[in-house]
Amino acid sequence: PSVVPEMSETVLTVTGANFDRGEPSLLKCRIGEEIVQATWITDSIVTCVVPPSLQSNHYTIYLTTNGRDFFTGISSLPSIFVRSRFELQGIVPVHGPSTGGTLITVEGVGFSPDLSMVCIFGDANSMERKITSATYVSAEYMTCSSPTQRVFDRNP
């Protein structure tokens, strides 16, 4: 991924050519000033984990196969953007008509216009759940429209 949340420890896949398998303990990624162990997958794929200590920012990814010389000799090095984590704090309103179309305001912290956010209605483990796209309003608010919901008769 090119965008990862803070403290996520996301696994990154670095692609290239002629990655030397060599000594596994010497294969490392440098992301910002953090150096992490890398894993050789193939001659063209290496993975590494984003360290949880990285703050929200853009970072270039460097690779070494000898433990000390980080490769910087290409014009387009891979990079990632570590974004702030977001937190949900509430929704308004919490009820609406089954016909849908109610504008829902989601309150929280850390929303970003570069995220593809959605609202999920219904039980997350159910086949009855519905997903609608969310609209970024600010770092604290986003909105979405409620979908039509099937009404179940609880008194057969």
Protein backbone atom coordinates (compact mmCIF):
# COMPACT_ATOMS: atom_id res chain seq x y z
CA PRO A 1 0.00 0.00 0.00
CA SER A 2 1.10 3.58 -0.53
CA VAL A 3 -0.86 4.94 2.46
CA VAL A 4 -0.74 3.22 5.86
CA PRO A 5 -2.14 4.20 9.26
CA GLU A 6 0.13 5.07 12.19
CA MET A 7 0.98 2.17 14.52
CA SER A 8 -0.39 -0.38 12.04
CA GLU A 9 2.75 -2.45 11.46
CA THR A 10 1.65 -2.88 7.85
CA VAL A 11 3.67 -5.28 5.69
CA LEU A 12 5.16 -3.47 2.67
CA THR A 13 6.12 -5.21 -0.55
CA VAL A 14 9.17 -3.73 -2.27
CA THR A 15 9.58 -4.78 -5.90
CA GLY A 16 12.68 -4.55 -8.02
CA ALA A 17 15.17 -6.85 -9.72
CA ASN A 18 18.12 -9.01 -8.74
CA PHE A 19 17.57 -8.88 -4.98
CA ASP A 20 20.38 -10.98 -3.54
CA ARG A 21 19.11 -13.59 -1.09
CA GLY A 22 22.48 -13.54 0.66
CA GLU A 23 22.52 -13.55 4.46
CA PRO A 24 18.91 -13.05 5.68
CA SER A 25 19.95 -11.11 8.79
CA LEU A 26 21.64 -8.45 6.59
CA LEU A 27 18.55 -7.75 4.46
CA LYS A 28 16.95 -4.58 5.85
CA CYS A 29 14.62 -1.73 4.95
CA ARG A 30 15.10 1.85 6.07
CA ILE A 31 11.90 3.86 6.34
CA GLY A 32 12.69 7.37 7.46
CA GLU A 33 15.38 6.91 10.08
CA GLU A 34 14.00 3.54 11.24
CA ILE A 35 15.77 0.36 10.13
CA VAL A 36 13.72 -2.85 10.13
CA GLN A 37 14.38 -6.45 9.17
CA ALA A 38 13.33 -7.34 5.62
CA THR A 39 12.26 -10.71 4.26
CA TRP A 40 13.46 -12.01 0.89
CA ILE A 41 10.53 -13.48 -1.07
CA THR A 42 11.97 -13.77 -4.61
CA ASP A 43 14.71 -12.14 -6.70
CA SER A 44 12.24 -9.31 -7.36
CA ILE A 45 10.22 -9.09 -4.10
CA VAL A 46 11.23 -8.18 -0.56
CA THR A 47 8.85 -7.38 2.31
CA CYS A 48 9.30 -5.31 5.44
CA VAL A 49 7.05 -4.12 8.25
CA VAL A 50 6.33 -0.43 8.85
CA PRO A 51 7.61 0.30 12.36
CA PRO A 52 4.87 1.47 14.76
CA SER A 53 7.03 4.42 15.85
CA LEU A 54 6.63 6.33 12.56
CA GLN A 55 4.58 9.52 12.80
CA SER A 56 2.28 10.88 10.09
CA ASN A 57 4.52 11.91 7.16
CA HIS A 58 5.86 10.84 3.73
CA TYR A 59 8.76 8.37 3.81
CA THR A 60 11.10 6.95 1.20
CA ILE A 61 11.93 3.25 1.48
CA TYR A 62 15.57 2.17 1.11
CA LEU A 63 16.88 -1.39 0.96
CA THR A 64 20.20 -3.00 1.89
CA THR A 65 21.35 -6.54 1.23
CA ASN A 66 24.63 -6.20 3.16
CA GLY A 67 23.32 -4.53 6.33
CA ARG A 68 25.03 -1.17 5.83
CA ASP A 69 24.80 0.25 2.28
CA PHE A 70 21.24 1.35 1.57
CA PHE A 71 20.47 1.45 -2.13
CA THR A 72 19.65 4.98 -3.31
CA GLY A 73 20.78 4.77 -6.93
CA ILE A 74 17.46 4.83 -8.75
CA SER A 75 15.40 7.86 -9.65
CA SER A 76 12.05 6.60 -8.34
CA LEU A 77 12.49 4.98 -4.94
CA PRO A 78 9.34 3.51 -3.39
CA SER A 79 7.62 5.66 -0.80
CA ILE A 80 4.70 5.55 1.60
CA PHE A 81 2.57 8.05 3.45
CA VAL A 82 1.93 7.22 7.10
CA ARG A 83 -1.37 8.85 8.06
CA SER A 84 -2.77 9.59 11.48
CA ARG A 85 -5.05 6.95 12.93
CA PHE A 86 -8.70 7.85 13.08
CA GLU A 87 -11.12 7.19 15.89
CA LEU A 88 -14.92 7.03 15.76
CA GLN A 89 -16.68 8.87 18.57
CA GLY A 90 -20.35 8.89 17.58
CA ILE A 91 -23.06 9.04 14.94
CA VAL A 92 -26.09 11.33 14.64
CA PRO A 93 -28.88 10.37 14.26
CA VAL A 94 -28.82 6.80 15.53
CA HIS A 95 -32.27 5.94 14.08
CA GLY A 96 -33.98 6.70 10.80
CA PRO A 97 -36.69 5.42 8.47
CA SER A 98 -36.27 2.04 6.78
CA THR A 99 -36.70 3.79 3.42
CA GLY A 100 -33.18 5.17 3.81
CA GLY A 101 -31.87 8.51 2.62
CA THR A 102 -31.14 9.89 6.11
CA LEU A 103 -27.99 12.00 6.21
CA ILE A 104 -25.76 10.49 8.92
CA THR A 105 -23.03 12.57 10.53
CA VAL A 106 -20.11 10.53 11.82
CA GLU A 107 -18.05 12.22 14.53
CA GLY A 108 -14.47 11.32 15.28
CA VAL A 109 -10.82 12.31 15.14
CA GLY A 110 -8.26 11.97 12.36
CA PHE A 111 -10.47 11.76 9.26
CA SER A 112 -8.58 12.65 6.11
CA PRO A 113 -9.70 13.62 2.59
CA ASP A 114 -7.24 11.12 1.09
CA LEU A 115 -8.96 8.12 2.70
CA SER A 116 -11.61 6.02 1.00
CA MET A 117 -14.06 5.88 3.88
CA VAL A 118 -17.40 4.08 3.98
CA CYS A 119 -20.31 3.63 6.37
CA ILE A 120 -21.46 0.09 7.14
CA PHE A 121 -25.07 -0.43 8.17
CA GLY A 122 -26.28 -3.61 9.87
CA ASP A 123 -24.41 -6.37 11.66
CA ALA A 124 -20.82 -6.55 10.38
CA ASN A 125 -21.05 -10.38 10.35
CA SER A 126 -24.41 -10.50 8.60
CA MET A 127 -25.29 -10.91 4.95
CA GLU A 128 -27.81 -8.11 5.54
CA ARG A 129 -25.17 -5.40 5.96
CA LYS A 130 -25.04 -2.53 3.46
CA ILE A 131 -22.14 -0.23 2.64
CA THR A 132 -22.38 3.37 1.44
CA SER A 133 -19.61 5.81 0.56
CA ALA A 134 -18.76 8.54 3.06
CA THR A 135 -18.07 12.19 2.32
CA TYR A 136 -15.20 13.94 4.07
CA VAL A 137 -16.30 17.13 5.86
CA SER A 138 -13.38 17.81 8.23
CA ALA A 139 -10.84 15.99 10.41
CA GLU A 140 -13.68 15.51 12.92
CA TYR A 141 -16.72 14.86 10.67
CA MET A 142 -17.81 12.82 7.70
CA THR A 143 -21.30 12.14 6.36
CA CYS A 144 -23.06 9.33 4.56
CA SER A 145 -26.59 8.53 3.52
CA SER A 146 -28.41 5.59 5.07
CA PRO A 147 -29.49 2.84 2.65
CA THR A 148 -32.90 1.22 2.42
CA GLN A 149 -33.24 -1.46 5.10
CA ARG A 150 -35.46 -4.50 5.13
CA VAL A 151 -37.94 -4.45 8.00
CA PHE A 152 -38.52 -7.69 9.90
CA ASP A 153 -41.83 -8.38 11.63
CA ARG A 154 -40.92 -9.29 15.20
CA ASN A 155 -44.50 -10.40 15.99
CA PRO A 156 -45.39 -13.16 13.51
